[in-house]
Protein backbone atom coordinates (compact mmCIF):
# COMPACT_ATOMS: atom_id res chain seq x y z
CA UNK A 1 41.76 30.17 -1.94
CA UNK A 2 43.81 31.83 0.73
CA UNK A 3 42.74 31.87 4.63
CA UNK A 4 40.97 35.13 5.74
CA UNK A 5 43.91 35.93 7.87
CA UNK A 6 46.34 35.99 4.93
CA UNK A 7 43.97 38.01 2.71
CA UNK A 8 43.87 40.72 5.56
CA UNK A 9 47.28 41.22 5.33
CA UNK A 10 48.01 41.17 1.46
CA UNK A 11 50.15 43.85 0.22
CA UNK A 12 51.10 45.06 3.47
CA UNK A 13 54.62 43.85 5.49
CA UNK A 14 54.19 42.04 8.85
CA UNK A 15 54.37 44.39 11.50
CA UNK A 16 52.91 47.45 9.60
CA UNK A 17 49.60 45.24 9.23
CA UNK A 18 49.60 44.88 12.63
CA UNK A 19 49.81 48.19 13.21
CA UNK A 20 46.95 48.78 10.93
CA UNK A 21 44.69 46.32 12.51
CA UNK A 22 45.29 47.82 16.03
CA UNK A 23 44.37 51.09 14.29
CA UNK A 24 40.84 49.56 13.58
CA UNK A 25 40.41 49.15 16.95
CA UNK A 26 41.97 52.19 18.67
CA UNK A 27 39.66 54.67 16.11
CA UNK A 28 36.78 52.72 17.25
CA UNK A 29 36.63 52.83 20.66
CA UNK A 30 35.85 56.48 21.24
CA UNK A 31 32.58 56.03 19.15
CA UNK A 32 31.60 52.74 21.01
CA UNK A 33 31.94 54.57 24.34
CA UNK A 34 30.07 57.53 23.05
CA UNK A 35 27.17 55.34 21.84
CA UNK A 36 27.08 53.00 24.92
CA UNK A 37 27.78 55.35 28.08
CA UNK A 38 26.09 59.16 28.09
CA UNK A 39 22.44 59.22 29.06
CA UNK A 40 22.49 55.76 31.37
CA UNK A 41 21.55 56.39 34.97
CA UNK A 42 24.04 55.96 37.85
CA UNK A 43 23.51 52.39 38.67
CA UNK A 44 25.03 51.53 35.04
CA UNK A 45 27.81 54.25 35.09
CA UNK A 46 28.86 54.25 38.76
CA UNK A 47 28.23 50.86 39.57
CA UNK A 48 30.95 48.47 40.69
CA UNK A 49 31.70 44.48 41.52
CA UNK A 50 32.68 45.35 45.06
CA UNK A 51 34.93 47.35 47.04
CA UNK A 52 37.99 48.66 45.25
CA UNK A 53 36.87 48.10 41.98
CA UNK A 54 36.34 50.36 39.04
CA UNK A 55 32.95 51.41 37.44
CA UNK A 56 32.47 52.45 34.08
CA UNK A 57 32.84 55.94 34.92
CA UNK A 58 36.33 54.90 36.01
CA UNK A 59 37.39 53.12 33.17
CA UNK A 60 36.87 55.91 30.92
CA UNK A 61 38.81 58.37 33.35
CA UNK A 62 41.35 55.56 32.93
CA UNK A 63 41.44 55.68 29.32
CA UNK A 64 42.20 59.20 29.53
CA UNK A 65 45.13 58.91 31.57
CA UNK A 66 46.59 56.36 29.08
CA UNK A 67 46.20 58.89 26.22
CA UNK A 68 47.79 61.79 28.46
CA UNK A 69 50.32 59.71 29.75
CA UNK A 70 51.24 56.61 28.49
CA UNK A 71 50.99 55.67 24.70
CA UNK A 72 52.19 58.37 22.64
CA UNK A 73 54.39 59.26 25.71
CA UNK A 74 56.10 56.27 25.81
CA UNK A 75 56.20 55.72 21.67
CA UNK A 76 57.99 59.31 21.79
CA UNK A 77 60.57 58.21 24.59
CA UNK A 78 61.17 54.69 22.25
CA UNK A 79 61.80 56.92 19.11
CA UNK A 80 63.96 59.87 20.75
CA UNK A 81 65.91 57.78 23.26
CA UNK A 82 65.68 54.03 22.80
CA UNK A 83 66.65 51.86 26.06
CA UNK A 84 68.57 55.06 27.32
CA UNK A 85 66.08 56.48 29.09
CA UNK A 86 63.38 54.12 30.74
CA UNK A 87 59.66 54.93 30.99
CA UNK A 88 58.59 57.07 33.57
CA UNK A 89 55.94 54.91 35.93
CA UNK A 90 52.40 55.35 34.91
CA UNK A 91 49.76 55.87 37.56
CA UNK A 92 46.71 53.51 36.82
CA UNK A 93 44.99 55.25 39.76
CA UNK A 94 45.21 58.78 38.66
CA UNK A 95 41.70 59.42 37.62
CA UNK A 96 40.45 57.83 40.76
CA UNK A 97 41.62 60.98 42.58
CA UNK A 98 41.50 63.77 39.49
CA UNK A 99 37.90 62.84 37.41
CA UNK A 100 35.69 62.04 40.22
CA UNK A 101 33.45 65.16 40.16
CA UNK A 102 33.21 65.53 36.00
CA UNK A 103 30.25 64.84 34.12
CA UNK A 104 30.62 61.45 32.25
CA UNK A 105 29.60 62.87 28.56
CA UNK A 106 32.37 65.66 29.17
CA UNK A 107 35.07 62.81 29.72
CA UNK A 108 33.86 60.70 27.14
CA UNK A 109 34.25 63.50 24.94
CA UNK A 110 37.61 64.52 26.23
CA UNK A 111 38.80 60.71 25.51
CA UNK A 112 37.65 60.86 22.35
CA UNK A 113 39.41 64.58 21.47
CA UNK A 114 42.56 62.88 22.91
CA UNK A 115 42.70 59.40 20.87
CA UNK A 116 41.82 61.44 17.55
CA UNK A 117 45.24 63.52 18.29
CA UNK A 118 47.01 60.43 19.47
CA UNK A 119 46.37 58.46 16.32
CA UNK A 120 46.83 61.21 13.94
CA UNK A 121 50.31 61.94 15.69
CA UNK A 122 50.67 57.97 15.29
CA UNK A 123 50.23 58.08 11.43
CA UNK A 124 52.04 61.31 11.20
CA UNK A 125 54.92 58.95 12.05
CA UNK A 126 54.75 56.62 9.32
CA UNK A 127 56.22 53.95 11.06
CA UNK A 128 58.31 51.50 8.85
CA UNK A 129 59.44 47.83 10.20
CA UNK A 130 62.46 49.31 11.37
CA UNK A 131 60.50 51.57 13.81
CA UNK A 132 58.13 49.11 15.06
CA UNK A 133 61.44 46.68 16.05
CA UNK A 134 62.93 49.45 18.18
CA UNK A 135 62.93 48.93 21.92
CA UNK A 136 62.68 50.92 25.05
CA UNK A 137 62.42 49.58 28.81
CA UNK A 138 59.31 49.52 30.99
CA UNK A 139 59.96 50.33 34.18
CA UNK A 140 58.17 46.64 35.48
CA UNK A 141 58.35 44.50 32.19
CA UNK A 142 61.87 45.63 30.84
CA UNK A 143 62.64 45.64 27.45
CA UNK A 144 59.75 46.27 25.11
CA UNK A 145 59.36 47.03 21.11
CA UNK A 146 57.17 49.89 19.44
CA UNK A 147 55.09 46.81 17.91
CA UNK A 148 54.54 45.80 21.31
CA UNK A 149 53.60 49.02 22.61
CA UNK A 150 50.93 49.73 19.68
CA UNK A 151 49.69 46.16 20.26
CA UNK A 152 49.13 46.52 24.01
CA UNK A 153 47.54 49.94 23.21
CA UNK A 154 44.54 48.20 21.28
CA UNK A 155 44.33 44.68 23.68
CA UNK A 156 44.04 47.54 26.65
CA UNK A 157 40.94 48.98 25.15
CA UNK A 158 39.29 45.40 24.54
CA UNK A 159 40.22 44.39 28.06
CA UNK A 160 38.75 47.62 29.41
CA UNK A 161 35.45 47.38 26.80
CA UNK A 162 34.94 43.67 28.22
CA UNK A 163 35.36 45.34 31.92
CA UNK A 164 32.59 47.82 31.18
CA UNK A 165 30.16 45.43 29.94
CA UNK A 166 30.93 42.78 32.70
CA UNK A 167 30.65 45.29 35.55
CA UNK A 168 27.24 46.50 34.06
CA UNK A 169 26.17 42.96 33.79
CA UNK A 170 26.77 42.44 37.16
CA UNK A 171 24.44 45.18 38.31
CA UNK A 172 21.79 42.42 37.52
CA UNK A 173 23.31 39.76 39.17
CA UNK A 174 20.26 39.12 41.63
CA UNK A 175 17.67 40.80 39.11
CA UNK A 176 17.92 37.53 36.48
CA UNK A 177 17.00 35.30 38.80
CA UNK A 178 17.81 31.64 37.86
CA UNK A 179 18.89 32.68 34.23
CA UNK A 180 22.41 33.59 36.03
CA UNK A 181 23.65 30.01 35.90
CA UNK A 182 23.27 31.06 31.86
CA UNK A 183 25.13 34.36 31.84
CA UNK A 184 28.62 33.47 31.75
CA UNK A 185 29.75 37.19 32.34
CA UNK A 186 28.37 36.96 35.88
CA UNK A 187 30.73 34.46 36.51
CA UNK A 188 34.01 36.19 35.94
């Protein structure tokens, strides 16, 4: 019997298998947020971990910015220009200026719509292993590949889902009393 990891890649080449796996996460993130956040009280949605930290509301705004200005935009740059045109710097904090008064429900919906359009475009590109090995230039990190960009897109989603969970848990850090000792999320 083959290990599970080998079975999941059977019939697909290595790098395209990774894209398929990344898509499994990328297509689910909007539904997770839509099921999780709308309708929660302000304490859950706007609570933070302290000064200059992000709330779940802020994270959704940041994810929207990424859909508008990062992932697909940078993918197009690599496919069209390679290393001849470095990526434009990405403003990771734009959402803190531009989305403050928007209702969370509309932001979650906007994120879902943008993500659906971006994934449709990604799928339409029908990337080959040759495409996935193409390189571009990140302003801070230097040379990056299409495969790395797509993997980072998925890992970025997972990172922010963890962040939302951690921030929300910390809203009850004192309320849980002595059980805080057993809740590792409160110590990160």
